[in-house]
Amino acid sequence: MTIEETAWLYIFSYCGAIGLILLGIFTIVMYRHLIRIIFGLMLLEAGVNLFLITTGYRPNAVAPILVEGQIPAAAMVDPIPQALVLTAIVIGVGVQALALALVIKSYKAYGTLDTKVLAEKIAEESGTHVIDGIAVEETST
């Protein structure tokens, strides 16, 4: 692989990672639907994982497997980001499963997936009011 090809590979990979991270953050911040928020969390996670894998990549490198009697290669791929991403994928699946279970429970309890309506229903149930997105307790005078 030439230096030019390697440079383009790094550029595309980092741009893709940053794009996924920004898209995930945008989705989490801008939408009020709980399923879309979870989807944004998944995009954010994928972007971070791509970024970690890209940092550990070395062009023309070999896997870091050492065999007895073999001379180690000059360039080896860093295995730490690969292990971190593998762990992050497992943790991410668990977080997504928990989030979806909570969404299902909240839908069954309140009948909506809109965060604004959900906050109003929870506030009404607890005896508070929501004013401009802030829960305010009633005061009696």
Protein backbone atom coordinates (compact mmCIF):
# COMPACT_ATOMS: atom_id res chain seq x y z
CA MET A 1 0.00 0.00 0.00
CA THR A 2 1.45 3.36 -0.98
CA ILE A 3 1.73 6.34 1.33
CA GLU A 4 -0.95 8.18 -0.64
CA GLU A 5 -3.41 5.29 -0.32
CA THR A 6 -2.67 5.03 3.39
CA ALA A 7 -3.25 8.75 3.86
CA TRP A 8 -6.63 8.55 2.13
CA LEU A 9 -7.55 5.53 4.24
CA TYR A 10 -6.78 7.46 7.43
CA ILE A 11 -8.68 10.53 6.22
CA PHE A 12 -11.81 8.55 5.28
CA SER A 13 -11.71 6.53 8.45
CA TYR A 14 -11.32 9.52 10.78
CA CYS A 15 -13.96 11.52 8.85
CA GLY A 16 -16.36 8.58 9.08
CA ALA A 17 -15.75 8.21 12.81
CA ILE A 18 -16.21 11.92 13.50
CA GLY A 19 -19.28 11.99 11.25
CA LEU A 20 -20.91 9.11 13.12
CA ILE A 21 -20.11 10.70 16.48
CA LEU A 22 -21.58 14.06 15.44
CA LEU A 23 -24.65 12.43 13.89
CA GLY A 24 -25.22 10.42 17.08
CA ILE A 25 -24.91 13.50 19.29
CA PHE A 26 -27.23 15.45 16.97
CA THR A 27 -29.82 12.67 17.09
CA ILE A 28 -29.69 12.40 20.89
CA VAL A 29 -30.02 16.16 21.38
CA MET A 30 -32.56 17.08 18.70
CA TYR A 31 -35.17 14.31 18.84
CA ARG A 32 -37.75 13.69 21.56
CA HIS A 33 -38.76 10.16 20.52
CA LEU A 34 -37.10 7.54 22.76
CA ILE A 35 -36.40 5.04 19.97
CA ARG A 36 -34.62 7.73 17.95
CA ILE A 37 -32.57 8.68 21.01
CA ILE A 38 -31.49 5.05 21.37
CA PHE A 39 -30.63 4.99 17.65
CA GLY A 40 -28.49 8.09 18.19
CA LEU A 41 -26.73 6.33 21.06
CA MET A 42 -25.99 3.42 18.73
CA LEU A 43 -24.53 5.78 16.10
CA LEU A 44 -22.38 7.48 18.74
CA GLU A 45 -21.08 4.13 19.94
CA ALA A 46 -20.27 2.99 16.39
CA GLY A 47 -18.36 6.22 15.76
CA VAL A 48 -16.28 5.84 18.91
CA ASN A 49 -15.52 2.22 18.06
CA LEU A 50 -14.44 3.17 14.53
CA PHE A 51 -12.24 5.92 15.96
CA LEU A 52 -10.54 3.49 18.36
CA ILE A 53 -9.92 0.92 15.63
CA THR A 54 -8.50 3.64 13.37
CA THR A 55 -6.04 4.78 16.03
CA GLY A 56 -4.67 1.24 16.33
CA TYR A 57 -4.26 0.68 12.59
CA ARG A 58 -0.80 0.55 11.04
CA PRO A 59 -0.33 0.10 7.30
CA ASN A 60 1.48 -3.07 6.19
CA ALA A 61 1.53 -4.41 9.75
CA VAL A 62 0.91 -7.98 10.88
CA ALA A 63 -1.19 -9.42 13.69
CA PRO A 64 0.62 -9.41 17.05
CA ILE A 65 0.87 -13.17 17.36
CA LEU A 66 4.27 -14.38 18.50
CA VAL A 67 5.28 -17.95 17.81
CA GLU A 68 8.26 -19.61 19.43
CA GLY A 69 11.31 -19.54 17.18
CA GLN A 70 9.87 -16.87 14.87
CA ILE A 71 11.53 -13.51 14.47
CA PRO A 72 9.00 -10.75 15.31
CA ALA A 73 7.97 -8.52 12.41
CA ALA A 74 9.01 -4.89 12.45
CA ALA A 75 5.49 -3.49 12.39
CA MET A 76 2.65 -5.02 14.36
CA VAL A 77 -0.89 -3.79 14.80
CA ASP A 78 -1.65 -2.50 18.30
CA PRO A 79 -3.98 -5.04 19.97
CA ILE A 80 -5.17 -2.75 22.79
CA PRO A 81 -7.72 -0.74 20.72
CA GLN A 82 -9.06 -4.00 19.29
CA ALA A 83 -9.60 -5.39 22.79
CA LEU A 84 -11.21 -2.13 23.93
CA VAL A 85 -13.61 -2.13 20.98
CA LEU A 86 -14.55 -5.76 21.53
CA THR A 87 -15.36 -4.96 25.16
CA ALA A 88 -17.22 -1.78 24.14
CA ILE A 89 -19.38 -3.74 21.69
CA VAL A 90 -20.43 -6.19 24.40
CA ILE A 91 -21.18 -3.38 26.86
CA GLY A 92 -23.02 -1.42 24.16
CA VAL A 93 -25.32 -4.34 23.38
CA GLY A 94 -26.15 -4.61 27.08
CA VAL A 95 -26.87 -0.87 27.33
CA GLN A 96 -29.08 -1.00 24.23
CA ALA A 97 -31.01 -3.98 25.58
CA LEU A 98 -31.56 -2.22 28.91
CA ALA A 99 -32.60 1.01 27.18
CA LEU A 100 -35.10 -0.81 24.97
CA ALA A 101 -36.52 -2.67 27.98
CA LEU A 102 -36.98 0.65 29.79
CA VAL A 103 -38.65 2.15 26.72
CA ILE A 104 -41.08 -0.77 26.55
CA LYS A 105 -41.88 -0.44 30.27
CA SER A 106 -42.43 3.32 29.99
CA TYR A 107 -44.65 2.88 26.92
CA LYS A 108 -46.76 0.29 28.74
CA ALA A 109 -47.02 2.54 31.80
CA TYR A 110 -47.64 5.91 30.12
CA GLY A 111 -48.68 5.13 26.53
CA THR A 112 -46.18 7.44 24.83
CA LEU A 113 -42.57 7.55 23.65
CA ASP A 114 -42.36 11.35 23.41
CA THR A 115 -40.05 12.64 26.15
CA LYS A 116 -41.95 15.91 26.62
CA VAL A 117 -45.32 14.18 27.05
CA LEU A 118 -43.67 11.54 29.22
CA ALA A 119 -42.17 14.22 31.51
CA GLU A 120 -45.55 15.92 31.81
CA LYS A 121 -47.30 12.66 32.70
CA ILE A 122 -44.65 11.76 35.28
CA ALA A 123 -44.84 15.25 36.78
CA GLU A 124 -48.65 15.09 36.92
CA GLU A 125 -48.44 11.70 38.60
CA SER A 126 -45.99 12.97 41.23
CA GLY A 127 -47.92 16.17 41.95
CA THR A 128 -45.61 18.65 40.22
CA HIS A 129 -45.95 20.81 37.12
CA VAL A 130 -43.62 21.10 34.16
CA ILE A 131 -42.94 24.70 33.16
CA ASP A 132 -40.57 25.15 30.18
CA GLY A 133 -39.23 21.64 30.69
CA ILE A 134 -38.49 22.13 34.41
CA ALA A 135 -40.43 20.27 37.10
CA VAL A 136 -41.85 22.75 39.63
CA GLU A 137 -43.61 21.68 42.82
CA GLU A 138 -46.90 23.25 43.76
CA THR A 139 -46.80 25.62 46.70
CA SER A 140 -49.89 26.40 48.73
CA THR A 141 -50.27 29.92 50.08
